[in-house]
Amino acid sequence: MPGLRPAPSRTKKGWLFLIPGRATPTALATLEGQPTTHPPLCRPCAKTALEQCPRLKHVIAVRARKCPLWGVLGVVHLPASPGMHHPATRRLDATTVQYGTRTPGGLLTTRFILASQLLRQLHRVTVVDLDAELALAA
């Protein structure tokens, strides 16, 4: 069908993700449990993304066995004062909000966020050879 994309690549090692950055020891140590806005990819889409996205000049290719939804990236619009029911709001800068997070007043923050991207948290992460992954895309 037109418009449908291939399913993300999944092997015994997990779903394929491209994480921007260099594979330094510090970066590799923080991959487990890291939230990411980058969705899992199929191999052909990974190849296209690397060719067309300047932000992916330096990437770490990983597979994550578990990648549950973690939260959202967006702009929070909180009521200007507690109990207000009209559209006057305090706008906060773009931020990430984990599901279930509450404001200091106890309100669920996700009720007041205009989300632009979903975040997934990577678990059981394995760094993989990007060249080998792309070779399988052919």
Protein backbone atom coordinates (compact mmCIF):
# COMPACT_ATOMS: atom_id res chain seq x y z
CA MET A 1 0.00 0.00 0.00
CA PRO A 2 1.27 3.52 -0.72
CA GLY A 3 2.65 5.38 2.27
CA LEU A 4 3.40 2.30 4.34
CA ARG A 5 6.94 1.99 5.61
CA PRO A 6 8.86 -1.20 6.26
CA ALA A 7 8.78 -2.54 9.79
CA PRO A 8 11.81 -1.63 11.93
CA SER A 9 14.65 -4.14 11.80
CA ARG A 10 14.42 -6.62 14.68
CA THR A 11 16.79 -9.49 15.40
CA LYS A 12 17.58 -11.57 18.50
CA LYS A 13 19.68 -8.61 19.65
CA GLY A 14 16.68 -6.27 19.42
CA TRP A 15 15.46 -3.26 17.45
CA LEU A 16 17.89 -1.16 15.36
CA PHE A 17 18.54 2.45 16.49
CA LEU A 18 20.99 5.09 15.28
CA ILE A 19 22.09 7.32 18.15
CA PRO A 20 23.84 10.59 17.22
CA GLY A 21 27.34 10.92 18.67
CA ARG A 22 30.72 9.31 18.73
CA ALA A 23 31.36 5.90 20.27
CA THR A 24 33.46 7.17 23.17
CA PRO A 25 33.65 5.12 26.40
CA THR A 26 31.50 7.75 28.13
CA ALA A 27 28.84 7.67 25.40
CA LEU A 28 28.76 3.87 25.39
CA ALA A 29 28.39 3.78 29.17
CA THR A 30 25.26 5.95 29.04
CA LEU A 31 23.35 4.01 26.36
CA GLU A 32 21.58 1.65 28.77
CA GLY A 33 18.38 3.28 29.98
CA GLN A 34 18.85 6.34 27.75
CA PRO A 35 15.69 7.97 26.39
CA THR A 36 15.86 8.72 22.67
CA THR A 37 13.68 10.60 20.21
CA HIS A 38 15.08 8.52 17.35
CA PRO A 39 12.70 5.74 16.31
CA PRO A 40 13.78 2.19 15.50
CA LEU A 41 14.66 1.82 11.81
CA CYS A 42 14.61 -0.75 9.07
CA ARG A 43 18.03 -1.26 7.46
CA PRO A 44 17.18 0.51 4.15
CA CYS A 45 15.83 3.53 6.07
CA ALA A 46 18.98 3.59 8.22
CA LYS A 47 21.06 3.77 5.06
CA THR A 48 18.91 6.60 3.66
CA ALA A 49 19.02 8.49 6.96
CA LEU A 50 22.81 8.35 7.04
CA GLU A 51 23.00 9.65 3.47
CA GLN A 52 20.52 12.49 3.94
CA CYS A 53 20.71 13.66 7.56
CA PRO A 54 23.71 15.83 8.48
CA ARG A 55 23.00 15.29 12.20
CA LEU A 56 23.84 11.63 11.72
CA LYS A 57 27.39 12.27 10.53
CA HIS A 58 28.66 10.49 13.65
CA VAL A 59 26.39 7.75 14.99
CA ILE A 60 26.40 4.77 17.26
CA ALA A 61 24.40 1.86 15.85
CA VAL A 62 22.71 -0.12 18.60
CA ARG A 63 20.12 -2.79 19.05
CA ALA A 64 17.84 -2.63 22.07
CA ARG A 65 15.88 -5.68 23.17
CA LYS A 66 13.41 -3.53 25.04
CA CYS A 67 12.42 0.01 24.09
CA PRO A 68 9.22 1.00 25.89
CA LEU A 69 7.65 4.42 25.47
CA TRP A 70 9.21 6.69 28.11
CA GLY A 71 7.75 10.15 27.56
CA VAL A 72 7.48 13.01 25.11
CA LEU A 73 9.45 16.02 23.89
CA GLY A 74 7.42 19.17 23.60
CA VAL A 75 6.37 22.49 25.09
CA VAL A 76 4.61 22.58 28.46
CA HIS A 77 1.74 25.07 28.85
CA LEU A 78 0.89 25.19 32.57
CA PRO A 79 -2.12 27.06 33.99
CA ALA A 80 -1.06 30.57 35.06
CA SER A 81 -2.40 29.87 38.54
CA PRO A 82 -3.99 26.85 40.25
CA GLY A 83 -7.68 26.38 39.52
CA MET A 84 -7.71 28.54 36.39
CA HIS A 85 -10.01 27.24 33.69
CA HIS A 86 -9.29 29.71 30.90
CA PRO A 87 -6.50 29.56 28.35
CA ALA A 88 -4.04 31.87 30.18
CA THR A 89 -0.92 29.75 30.58
CA ARG A 90 2.73 29.92 31.48
CA ARG A 91 4.73 28.56 28.56
CA LEU A 92 7.88 26.66 29.40
CA ASP A 93 10.66 26.00 26.91
CA ALA A 94 10.80 22.75 24.97
CA THR A 95 11.52 19.96 27.39
CA THR A 96 11.27 16.23 27.84
CA VAL A 97 8.58 14.91 30.13
CA GLN A 98 8.48 11.37 31.46
CA TYR A 99 5.03 9.81 31.65
CA GLY A 100 3.60 10.18 35.14
CA THR A 101 5.66 13.30 35.99
CA ARG A 102 3.85 15.83 38.16
CA THR A 103 4.24 19.59 38.51
CA PRO A 104 5.12 21.06 41.93
CA GLY A 105 1.37 21.59 42.37
CA GLY A 106 0.69 17.89 41.76
CA LEU A 107 -0.76 18.13 38.25
CA LEU A 108 0.17 15.52 35.66
CA THR A 109 2.52 17.39 33.35
CA THR A 110 1.56 15.30 30.32
CA ARG A 111 -1.90 16.91 30.42
CA PHE A 112 -0.33 20.28 29.60
CA ILE A 113 2.29 19.41 27.00
CA LEU A 114 2.10 20.02 23.29
CA ALA A 115 4.19 17.04 22.25
CA SER A 116 6.28 17.00 19.11
CA GLN A 117 8.11 13.67 19.52
CA LEU A 118 7.77 10.43 21.45
CA LEU A 119 10.69 9.18 23.52
CA ARG A 120 11.63 5.54 23.96
CA GLN A 121 13.96 4.27 26.67
CA LEU A 122 16.60 1.81 25.51
CA HIS A 123 17.18 -1.34 27.57
CA ARG A 124 19.41 -4.39 27.05
CA VAL A 125 21.47 -2.41 24.55
CA THR A 126 24.11 -3.95 22.27
CA VAL A 127 26.38 -1.84 20.09
CA VAL A 128 26.42 -3.31 16.56
CA ASP A 129 28.63 -2.93 13.50
CA LEU A 130 26.90 -0.35 11.31
CA ASP A 131 28.69 -1.46 8.13
CA ALA A 132 27.52 -5.04 8.67
CA GLU A 133 23.96 -3.87 9.28
CA LEU A 134 23.94 -1.77 6.11
CA ALA A 135 25.42 -4.61 4.06
CA LEU A 136 22.33 -6.64 4.94
CA ALA A 137 20.10 -3.85 3.60
CA ALA A 138 21.10 -4.58 0.01
